[in-house]
Protein backbone atom coordinates (compact mmCIF):
# COMPACT_ATOMS: atom_id res chain seq x y z
CA MET A 1 -0.84 -6.40 21.78
CA ASN A 2 1.55 -6.75 18.84
CA ASP A 3 0.98 -3.79 16.49
CA GLU A 4 3.55 -4.87 13.92
CA VAL A 5 2.41 -5.52 10.35
CA PRO A 6 2.00 -9.27 9.79
CA GLY A 7 4.71 -10.67 7.56
CA SER A 8 3.39 -14.19 7.15
CA ALA A 9 0.14 -16.13 7.23
CA ALA A 10 0.93 -17.38 10.75
CA GLU A 11 1.52 -13.83 12.00
CA CYS A 12 -1.71 -12.73 10.31
CA VAL A 13 -3.66 -15.43 12.17
CA GLU A 14 -2.11 -14.29 15.45
CA TRP A 15 -2.96 -10.66 14.59
CA LEU A 16 -6.61 -11.53 13.90
CA ARG A 17 -7.10 -13.60 17.03
CA ALA A 18 -5.34 -11.11 19.30
CA ARG A 19 -7.82 -8.45 18.19
CA ARG A 20 -10.79 -10.84 18.30
CA ILE A 21 -11.70 -9.96 14.73
CA ASP A 22 -15.15 -11.25 13.73
CA GLU A 23 -15.05 -10.69 9.97
CA VAL A 24 -12.51 -9.89 7.27
CA GLU A 25 -13.28 -7.82 4.18
CA CYS A 26 -11.22 -9.28 1.33
CA ILE A 27 -11.01 -6.51 -1.27
CA ILE A 28 -9.55 -5.91 -4.70
CA PRO A 29 -9.52 -2.72 -6.78
CA ASP A 30 -11.30 -2.91 -10.13
CA MET A 31 -10.44 -0.78 -13.15
CA ASN A 32 -12.08 2.27 -11.59
CA GLY A 33 -10.44 1.75 -8.21
CA MET A 34 -13.78 0.65 -6.76
CA MET A 35 -13.69 -2.00 -4.02
CA ARG A 36 -14.87 -5.46 -5.01
CA GLY A 37 -14.57 -8.67 -3.04
CA LYS A 38 -16.09 -10.74 -0.25
CA ILE A 39 -16.74 -10.42 3.48
CA VAL A 40 -15.93 -13.64 5.31
CA PRO A 41 -15.95 -14.84 8.94
CA ARG A 42 -12.54 -14.88 10.57
CA GLU A 43 -12.10 -18.66 10.69
CA ASP A 44 -13.14 -19.04 7.05
CA PHE A 45 -10.55 -16.42 6.17
CA ILE A 46 -7.90 -18.27 8.16
CA ARG A 47 -8.71 -21.49 6.27
CA ALA A 48 -8.44 -19.56 2.97
CA LEU A 49 -4.92 -18.45 3.94
CA SER A 50 -3.76 -22.07 3.91
CA SER A 51 -5.55 -22.86 0.65
CA SER A 52 -5.50 -21.11 -2.71
CA GLY A 53 -7.55 -18.06 -1.68
CA LEU A 54 -11.13 -16.99 -2.27
CA ARG A 55 -12.91 -17.32 -5.60
CA LEU A 56 -14.37 -14.43 -7.58
CA PRO A 57 -15.70 -14.34 -11.15
CA GLU A 58 -13.10 -12.99 -13.55
CA HIS A 59 -15.57 -10.46 -14.97
CA VAL A 60 -15.58 -8.55 -11.67
CA LEU A 61 -12.41 -6.84 -12.93
CA ILE A 62 -14.06 -5.52 -16.08
CA GLN A 63 -17.13 -3.92 -14.56
CA ALA A 64 -17.99 -0.36 -15.47
CA VAL A 65 -18.54 2.23 -12.76
CA THR A 66 -22.27 1.60 -13.30
CA GLY A 67 -21.87 -2.09 -12.49
CA ASP A 68 -22.40 -3.14 -16.11
CA THR A 69 -19.96 -5.74 -17.42
CA VAL A 70 -18.20 -5.59 -20.77
CA PRO A 71 -20.05 -7.87 -23.22
CA HIS A 72 -18.03 -10.01 -25.65
CA THR A 73 -14.75 -9.10 -24.01
CA ALA A 74 -11.57 -9.93 -25.90
CA VAL A 75 -9.61 -10.23 -22.64
CA ALA A 76 -11.56 -12.13 -19.97
CA ALA A 77 -12.87 -15.63 -20.61
CA GLU A 78 -16.35 -15.66 -22.16
CA ILE A 79 -17.42 -18.36 -19.70
CA ASP A 80 -16.76 -15.93 -16.84
CA GLN A 81 -14.38 -18.34 -15.13
CA ASP A 82 -13.31 -17.97 -11.53
CA ILE A 83 -10.11 -16.30 -10.48
CA ARG A 84 -8.62 -16.49 -7.00
CA THR A 85 -7.98 -13.63 -4.63
CA VAL A 86 -4.85 -14.17 -2.54
CA PRO A 87 -4.66 -11.92 0.54
CA ASP A 88 -1.54 -9.78 0.83
CA VAL A 89 -1.26 -10.29 4.59
CA GLY A 90 0.94 -7.21 4.98
CA THR A 91 -2.01 -5.02 4.01
CA ILE A 92 -4.37 -6.23 6.74
CA ARG A 93 -5.82 -3.38 8.76
CA ILE A 94 -8.58 -2.61 11.21
CA VAL A 95 -11.80 -1.14 9.79
CA PRO A 96 -12.16 1.58 12.44
CA TRP A 97 -15.75 2.73 11.90
CA TYR A 98 -17.47 -0.59 12.68
CA GLN A 99 -18.68 -1.45 16.17
CA ASP A 100 -17.86 -5.15 15.73
CA PRO A 101 -14.12 -5.91 15.33
CA THR A 102 -13.59 -6.10 11.56
CA ALA A 103 -10.47 -6.23 9.42
CA GLN A 104 -9.84 -5.40 5.78
CA VAL A 105 -7.15 -6.91 3.59
CA ILE A 106 -6.18 -6.15 0.00
CA CYS A 107 -5.85 -9.18 -2.25
CA ASP A 108 -3.94 -10.02 -5.39
CA CYS A 109 -5.73 -11.73 -8.26
CA VAL A 110 -4.39 -14.97 -9.74
CA PHE A 111 -5.64 -17.50 -12.25
CA ASN A 112 -6.21 -21.11 -11.23
CA ASP A 113 -2.67 -22.02 -12.30
CA GLY A 114 -1.27 -19.47 -9.84
CA THR A 115 -0.14 -16.88 -12.40
CA ALA A 116 -1.08 -13.25 -11.81
CA VAL A 117 -4.15 -11.83 -13.52
CA ASP A 118 -2.08 -9.55 -15.71
CA TYR A 119 -4.74 -6.90 -16.21
CA ALA A 120 -5.66 -6.53 -12.52
CA PRO A 121 -4.64 -3.00 -11.36
CA ARG A 122 -2.37 -4.22 -8.57
CA SER A 123 -0.61 -6.59 -10.98
CA VAL A 124 -0.05 -3.72 -13.43
CA LEU A 125 1.62 -1.56 -10.79
CA ARG A 126 3.78 -4.49 -9.65
CA THR A 127 4.90 -5.03 -13.26
CA VAL A 128 6.12 -1.42 -13.46
CA ILE A 129 7.90 -1.62 -10.09
CA ASP A 130 9.58 -4.84 -11.25
CA ALA A 131 10.71 -3.13 -14.47
CA TYR A 132 12.51 -0.53 -12.36
CA ALA A 133 14.01 -3.23 -10.13
CA GLU A 134 15.45 -5.00 -13.17
CA ARG A 135 17.39 -1.80 -13.87
CA GLY A 136 18.62 -1.47 -10.28
CA LEU A 137 16.17 1.34 -9.52
CA LYS A 138 13.41 1.95 -6.98
CA PRO A 139 10.65 4.58 -7.39
CA ILE A 140 9.58 6.74 -4.45
CA ILE A 141 6.22 8.49 -4.65
CA ALA A 142 4.00 10.76 -2.58
CA PRO A 143 0.40 11.50 -3.57
CA GLU A 144 -1.58 14.61 -2.67
CA LEU A 145 -5.33 14.02 -2.78
CA GLU A 146 -7.97 16.72 -3.06
CA PHE A 147 -11.66 16.20 -2.37
CA TYR A 148 -14.85 18.12 -1.67
CA LEU A 149 -17.25 17.83 1.23
CA VAL A 150 -20.80 18.39 -0.05
CA ALA A 151 -24.29 18.53 1.42
CA ARG A 152 -26.17 15.26 1.32
CA SER A 153 -28.51 14.95 -1.65
CA THR A 154 -30.39 12.10 -3.30
CA ASP A 155 -31.56 14.01 -6.39
CA HIS A 156 -28.94 13.47 -9.10
CA ASP A 157 -30.47 16.21 -11.28
CA LEU A 158 -29.66 18.94 -8.75
CA PRO A 159 -26.20 20.57 -8.54
CA LEU A 160 -24.11 19.73 -5.50
CA THR A 161 -23.88 22.34 -2.74
CA ALA A 162 -21.47 23.10 0.08
CA PRO A 163 -22.33 21.51 3.44
CA MET A 164 -22.97 23.32 6.69
CA GLY A 165 -19.80 23.94 8.67
CA SER A 166 -19.43 24.27 12.42
CA SER A 167 -20.78 27.83 12.23
CA GLY A 168 -24.06 26.54 10.84
CA ARG A 169 -23.50 28.24 7.48
CA PRO A 170 -22.35 26.83 4.15
CA GLU A 171 -19.03 28.17 2.95
CA SER A 172 -19.04 30.78 0.20
CA GLY A 173 -16.17 32.29 -1.73
CA ARG A 174 -12.74 30.81 -2.27
CA GLN A 175 -10.60 30.41 0.83
CA ALA A 176 -7.41 28.73 -0.38
CA TYR A 177 -5.24 27.84 2.63
CA GLY A 178 -7.78 29.48 4.91
CA ILE A 179 -7.30 28.28 8.50
CA GLU A 180 -10.74 29.34 9.75
CA ALA A 181 -12.33 27.90 6.62
CA ALA A 182 -10.63 24.58 7.37
CA ASN A 183 -11.68 24.82 11.04
CA GLU A 184 -15.31 24.75 9.90
CA PHE A 185 -14.83 21.05 9.20
CA ASP A 186 -12.63 20.10 12.14
CA PRO A 187 -15.04 17.39 13.39
CA VAL A 188 -14.89 15.58 10.04
CA VAL A 189 -11.13 16.06 9.69
CA GLU A 190 -10.54 14.74 13.21
CA ASP A 191 -12.44 11.58 12.33
CA ILE A 192 -10.47 11.23 9.09
CA TYR A 193 -7.17 11.44 10.97
CA ALA A 194 -8.40 9.05 13.67
CA PHE A 195 -9.65 6.51 11.13
CA ALA A 196 -6.44 6.84 9.10
CA ALA A 197 -4.21 6.34 12.13
CA ALA A 198 -6.18 3.27 13.19
CA SER A 199 -5.79 1.72 9.72
CA ARG A 200 -2.14 2.64 9.04
CA ILE A 201 -2.82 5.33 6.46
CA GLU A 202 -0.02 7.84 6.91
CA ILE A 203 -1.34 11.26 6.00
CA GLY A 204 0.63 14.36 6.89
CA THR A 205 -0.42 17.91 6.22
CA MET A 206 -3.93 19.08 5.43
CA ALA A 207 -4.93 22.32 3.76
CA HIS A 208 -8.11 24.01 2.61
CA GLU A 209 -8.11 24.30 -1.16
CA ALA A 210 -9.68 27.02 -3.31
CA GLY A 211 -13.17 25.52 -3.67
CA PRO A 212 -15.90 25.69 -1.01
CA ALA A 213 -15.32 22.85 1.48
CA GLN A 214 -12.49 21.54 -0.70
CA LEU A 215 -9.63 19.94 1.25
CA GLU A 216 -6.28 18.41 0.36
CA MET A 217 -4.41 15.79 2.34
CA ASN A 218 -0.81 14.82 1.64
CA PHE A 219 0.68 11.37 2.10
CA ARG A 220 4.19 10.71 3.35
CA HIS A 221 6.55 9.55 0.60
CA GLY A 222 7.38 5.88 0.22
CA ASP A 223 6.98 2.66 -1.76
CA PRO A 224 4.58 2.95 -4.74
CA MET A 225 2.52 -0.14 -3.87
CA GLU A 226 2.17 0.84 -0.23
CA LEU A 227 1.11 4.38 -1.17
CA ALA A 228 -1.35 3.07 -3.77
CA ASP A 229 -2.85 0.81 -1.12
CA GLN A 230 -3.15 3.72 1.28
CA ALA A 231 -4.74 6.04 -1.31
CA PHE A 232 -7.16 3.25 -2.28
CA LEU A 233 -8.26 2.81 1.35
CA PHE A 234 -8.16 6.54 2.08
CA LYS A 235 -11.02 7.37 -0.26
CA ARG A 236 -13.36 5.03 1.55
CA THR A 237 -12.10 6.33 4.90
CA VAL A 238 -12.93 9.93 3.99
CA ARG A 239 -16.37 9.01 2.70
CA GLN A 240 -17.16 7.12 5.89
CA ALA A 241 -16.03 10.03 8.07
CA ALA A 242 -18.16 12.47 6.08
CA VAL A 243 -21.30 10.32 6.37
CA ARG A 244 -20.87 10.37 10.13
CA HIS A 245 -21.33 14.13 9.97
CA GLN A 246 -24.36 14.12 7.67
CA MET A 247 -22.46 15.07 4.52
CA PHE A 248 -20.83 13.38 1.56
CA ALA A 249 -17.20 13.41 0.44
CA THR A 250 -16.52 13.22 -3.30
CA PHE A 251 -13.36 12.57 -5.28
CA MET A 252 -15.03 13.54 -8.56
CA ALA A 253 -12.58 15.53 -10.66
CA GLN A 254 -15.11 18.33 -11.26
CA PRO A 255 -18.12 18.15 -8.92
CA HIS A 256 -19.08 21.85 -9.17
CA VAL A 257 -19.65 23.85 -12.34
CA ASN A 258 -17.72 27.02 -11.57
CA GLU A 259 -15.26 25.85 -8.92
CA PRO A 260 -11.78 24.33 -9.09
CA GLY A 261 -11.47 20.63 -9.81
CA SER A 262 -9.85 18.04 -7.58
CA ALA A 263 -6.51 16.44 -8.39
CA MET A 264 -4.23 13.71 -7.16
CA HIS A 265 -0.80 15.23 -7.67
CA ILE A 266 1.90 12.55 -7.67
CA HIS A 267 5.41 13.47 -6.54
CA GLN A 268 7.99 11.00 -7.81
CA SER A 269 11.70 10.40 -7.54
CA ILE A 270 13.91 7.43 -8.39
CA VAL A 271 16.68 6.05 -6.18
CA SER A 272 19.38 3.48 -6.78
CA SER A 273 18.55 0.07 -5.31
CA THR A 274 22.15 -0.36 -4.20
CA ASP A 275 22.92 2.84 -2.31
CA GLY A 276 19.52 4.56 -2.07
CA LYS A 277 20.79 7.74 -3.72
CA ASN A 278 18.45 9.92 -5.77
CA ILE A 279 19.40 9.52 -9.45
CA PHE A 280 17.93 12.94 -10.28
CA VAL A 281 20.90 14.78 -8.71
CA HIS A 282 24.69 14.79 -8.87
CA ALA A 283 26.80 14.54 -5.74
CA ASP A 284 27.09 18.35 -5.69
CA GLY A 285 23.29 18.77 -5.69
CA THR A 286 22.92 19.87 -9.31
CA ASP A 287 20.41 18.24 -11.64
CA ALA A 288 21.54 14.98 -13.22
CA PRO A 289 20.62 14.06 -16.83
CA ALA A 290 18.19 11.45 -15.47
CA LEU A 291 15.93 14.23 -14.18
CA LEU A 292 15.61 15.77 -17.64
CA HIS A 293 15.20 12.39 -19.33
CA TYR A 294 12.44 11.46 -16.89
CA ILE A 295 10.66 14.76 -17.55
CA SER A 296 10.95 14.14 -21.28
CA GLY A 297 9.29 10.75 -20.83
CA LEU A 298 6.39 12.38 -19.03
CA GLN A 299 6.08 15.04 -21.73
CA ARG A 300 6.09 12.51 -24.55
CA HIS A 301 3.86 9.85 -23.03
CA VAL A 302 1.45 11.43 -20.51
CA PRO A 303 -0.88 12.69 -23.31
CA THR A 304 -1.16 9.18 -24.81
CA THR A 305 -1.72 7.67 -21.34
CA MET A 306 -4.31 10.26 -20.35
CA PRO A 307 -7.21 7.86 -19.64
CA LEU A 308 -5.26 6.43 -16.69
CA PHE A 309 -4.85 9.92 -15.22
CA CYS A 310 -8.29 11.22 -16.21
CA PRO A 311 -10.45 8.09 -16.53
CA ASN A 312 -14.01 9.44 -16.55
CA VAL A 313 -16.12 11.72 -18.72
CA ASN A 314 -16.23 14.13 -15.78
CA SER A 315 -12.42 14.17 -15.58
CA TYR A 316 -12.07 16.34 -18.66
CA ARG A 317 -14.28 19.10 -17.25
CA ARG A 318 -11.34 19.80 -14.91
CA ILE A 319 -8.84 20.11 -17.80
CA ARG A 320 -9.98 23.48 -19.09
CA LEU A 321 -8.49 26.88 -19.73
CA GLU A 322 -10.28 28.72 -16.91
CA SER A 323 -9.17 26.14 -14.32
CA ASP A 324 -6.11 25.85 -12.11
CA ALA A 325 -5.56 22.40 -13.60
CA PRO A 326 -2.86 22.02 -16.29
CA ILE A 327 -3.80 21.98 -19.96
CA ASN A 328 -0.41 20.80 -21.26
CA VAL A 329 2.75 18.97 -20.19
CA HIS A 330 5.21 21.82 -20.09
CA TRP A 331 7.58 21.68 -17.13
CA GLY A 332 8.73 24.37 -14.77
CA ARG A 333 10.66 24.89 -11.58
CA ASP A 334 8.20 25.57 -8.80
CA ASN A 335 5.70 26.66 -11.46
CA ARG A 336 2.22 25.40 -10.53
CA THR A 337 0.71 26.36 -13.89
CA CYS A 338 2.70 23.58 -15.57
CA GLY A 339 1.56 20.00 -15.87
CA LEU A 340 4.99 18.91 -14.67
CA ARG A 341 6.61 20.75 -11.77
CA VAL A 342 10.02 20.39 -10.15
CA PRO A 343 9.44 21.72 -6.62
CA ASP A 344 12.08 23.78 -4.88
CA SER A 345 13.85 21.18 -2.75
CA GLY A 346 17.16 19.91 -1.48
CA PRO A 347 19.16 17.27 -3.37
CA GLU A 348 17.76 14.25 -1.52
CA ALA A 349 14.19 15.40 -2.16
CA ARG A 350 14.67 16.35 -5.84
CA ARG A 351 11.53 15.15 -7.51
CA ILE A 352 8.93 15.73 -10.21
CA GLU A 353 5.27 16.42 -9.57
CA ASN A 354 2.73 15.18 -12.11
CA ARG A 355 -0.15 17.65 -11.76
CA VAL A 356 -2.29 16.21 -14.58
CA VAL A 357 -3.76 13.38 -12.51
CA GLY A 358 -7.37 13.71 -11.33
CA ALA A 359 -8.59 12.75 -7.86
CA ASP A 360 -10.99 10.30 -9.54
CA SER A 361 -8.18 8.16 -10.94
CA ASN A 362 -7.46 4.63 -9.79
CA PRO A 363 -4.33 5.17 -7.64
CA TYR A 364 -2.74 1.90 -8.73
CA LEU A 365 -3.11 2.73 -12.41
CA ALA A 366 -2.24 6.43 -12.12
CA ILE A 367 0.97 5.63 -10.21
CA ALA A 368 1.83 2.80 -12.61
CA ALA A 369 1.23 5.07 -15.60
CA THR A 370 3.31 8.03 -14.43
CA LEU A 371 6.19 5.71 -13.48
CA ALA A 372 5.91 3.96 -16.86
CA CYS A 373 6.10 7.29 -18.70
CA GLY A 374 9.16 8.27 -16.68
CA LEU A 375 10.82 4.90 -17.28
CA LEU A 376 10.39 5.33 -21.03
CA GLY A 377 12.06 8.72 -20.67
CA LEU A 378 15.04 7.16 -18.88
CA GLU A 379 15.31 4.59 -21.68
CA GLU A 380 14.95 7.11 -24.51
CA GLY A 381 17.48 9.55 -23.04
CA ILE A 382 15.94 12.60 -24.75
CA ARG A 383 16.04 16.10 -23.32
CA PRO A 384 12.68 17.72 -22.56
CA GLU A 385 11.30 20.88 -24.06
CA PRO A 386 12.76 24.08 -22.55
CA VAL A 387 11.71 24.95 -19.03
CA VAL A 388 8.70 27.29 -18.84
CA THR A 389 8.93 30.39 -16.67
CA ILE A 390 5.59 31.96 -17.63
CA ASP A 391 1.96 30.98 -17.03
CA ALA A 392 1.65 27.68 -18.94
CA HIS A 393 -2.06 28.36 -19.44
CA THR A 394 -1.05 30.99 -22.02
CA LEU A 395 0.48 28.17 -24.10
CA PRO A 396 -1.51 25.75 -26.31
CA PHE A 397 -3.38 22.66 -25.13
CA SER A 398 -1.43 19.41 -25.52
CA LEU A 399 -3.73 17.07 -23.59
CA PRO A 400 -6.82 15.25 -24.91
CA ARG A 401 -10.02 17.16 -24.13
CA HIS A 402 -12.45 14.22 -24.02
CA LEU A 403 -12.33 10.66 -22.76
CA HIS A 404 -13.07 9.19 -26.19
CA ASP A 405 -10.14 11.06 -27.76
CA GLY A 406 -7.88 9.88 -24.96
CA LEU A 407 -8.95 6.25 -25.40
CA LEU A 408 -8.16 6.33 -29.11
CA MET A 409 -4.63 7.55 -28.35
CA PHE A 410 -4.15 5.14 -25.47
CA ALA A 411 -5.21 2.12 -27.51
CA ARG A 412 -2.45 2.94 -30.03
CA ALA A 413 0.28 3.73 -27.47
CA ASP A 414 2.70 0.93 -28.39
CA LYS A 415 5.50 1.95 -26.01
CA ILE A 416 3.13 2.17 -23.05
CA ARG A 417 1.65 -1.19 -24.06
CA ARG A 418 5.11 -2.73 -23.85
CA ILE A 419 5.41 -1.77 -20.18
CA LEU A 420 1.82 -2.03 -18.92
CA GLY A 421 0.86 -5.04 -21.04
CA ASP A 422 -1.38 -5.49 -24.06
CA ARG A 423 -4.09 -7.34 -22.16
CA PHE A 424 -4.34 -4.62 -19.54
CA VAL A 425 -4.59 -1.84 -22.14
CA ASP A 426 -7.24 -3.78 -24.06
CA ALA A 427 -9.23 -4.53 -20.89
CA PHE A 428 -9.11 -0.94 -19.69
CA VAL A 429 -10.20 0.41 -23.07
CA GLU A 430 -13.08 -2.09 -23.14
CA VAL A 431 -14.36 -0.91 -19.76
CA LYS A 432 -14.05 2.77 -20.60
CA ASN A 433 -15.63 2.41 -24.03
CA LEU A 434 -18.59 0.72 -22.33
CA GLU A 435 -18.88 3.66 -19.92
CA TRP A 436 -18.65 6.10 -22.82
CA GLN A 437 -21.51 4.32 -24.57
CA LEU A 438 -23.65 4.35 -21.41
CA TYR A 439 -22.91 8.04 -20.84
CA ASN A 440 -23.94 8.92 -24.39
CA ARG A 441 -27.41 7.50 -23.76
CA VAL A 442 -28.09 10.18 -21.14
CA ILE A 443 -29.96 13.30 -22.23
CA SER A 444 -28.64 16.22 -20.18
CA SER A 445 -30.53 19.19 -18.72
CA TRP A 446 -28.49 21.48 -21.03
CA GLU A 447 -29.91 19.69 -24.07
CA ARG A 448 -33.45 19.96 -22.74
CA GLU A 449 -33.03 23.63 -21.90
CA TYR A 450 -31.48 24.86 -25.15
CA LEU A 451 -32.56 22.35 -27.78
CA LEU A 452 -36.12 21.45 -26.79
CA LEU A 453 -37.82 24.46 -28.41
CA ASN A 454 -34.98 26.06 -30.36
CA VAL A 455 -33.87 23.57 -33.01
């Protein structure tokens, strides 16, 4: 059986029939990175390949995480017109946890005239990649995704708890890089690796993080769109593996009150499109000016782009002084307290790690945003602030502390708008303002406990 990735519609049809696929899940990422789309029989999907794709209402892209849709949007058509989803046949993969042969394929969104839906997350990332290509450059990225395994619970008012491991006991304490602590969840991890291998998600190393039942999995470096696709599919893969073992997996940035948060650290380097050489280093292996300019771009623009890195109200509970997460955008060499880290590496692997990004971010938008900030730095040609050699948590905050503050800054970020597009920025802000309004209607247990009889 041919295991090569289909490169054309004809090859995709052959791929589907050779595997006797029954159904195809045609999926798109919305603003939150949630999967939307349609499930269609194989032959209907094949007919769609030779037509103009499958129809979806345009408003599906501006749904809040609650499922509510932005009313009176200034971006999408008020009549809620149809858009078309065009399968990217190179993304087709097996869905490994179904008994019946099923495939999944990621689609691009286009209007009826064939032009890209400019505010769709995949379109936004492609715009940034194209901006690099116009300058003869190609970004290389590698995400690291952290997540928690938690005991199953249906009561949203109760705090989450650690699940039972293989020993029959829930984990307690903090076991960063603990081998035996990781072994407690070997059955789940084995399913994650098996599912990932079956669906061409290339994860490498795995480590136990500091929180109870908190794991991190690292992706192999590569093309930004391919890695965004893999991270997008990976979240669902992990959740499915966890459910098989009577537990949940969560990519919330801060699922536990007094435990570390979960991040998606993004390693990034830029190579020349002509010779493939890393522009961050000279021929002798020393840092090139481009490295410092790129860092400066991240320092200047990450704070104003914060909602793409930390997109939910919960995200900002991770960005706090008593956490391992960064609170500013200082940079350091192999200094994990900084928001921006240059790992100790050889010349070919010289790169910058953005440690601000939360695990709850939309991978397409987080990758697009960090690359956009770096591109602005390359254009501006400004040196960064001095390298930090101390604990950056002893230095002042420079990041927004709440989603609403971040949205106000992001809406006014003219330079970021120029790269990501006005309509995308406006659409994203609309969705997140709707979520902020819905969140503010909720009366928390803290308010009931301390305000009920005291004020």
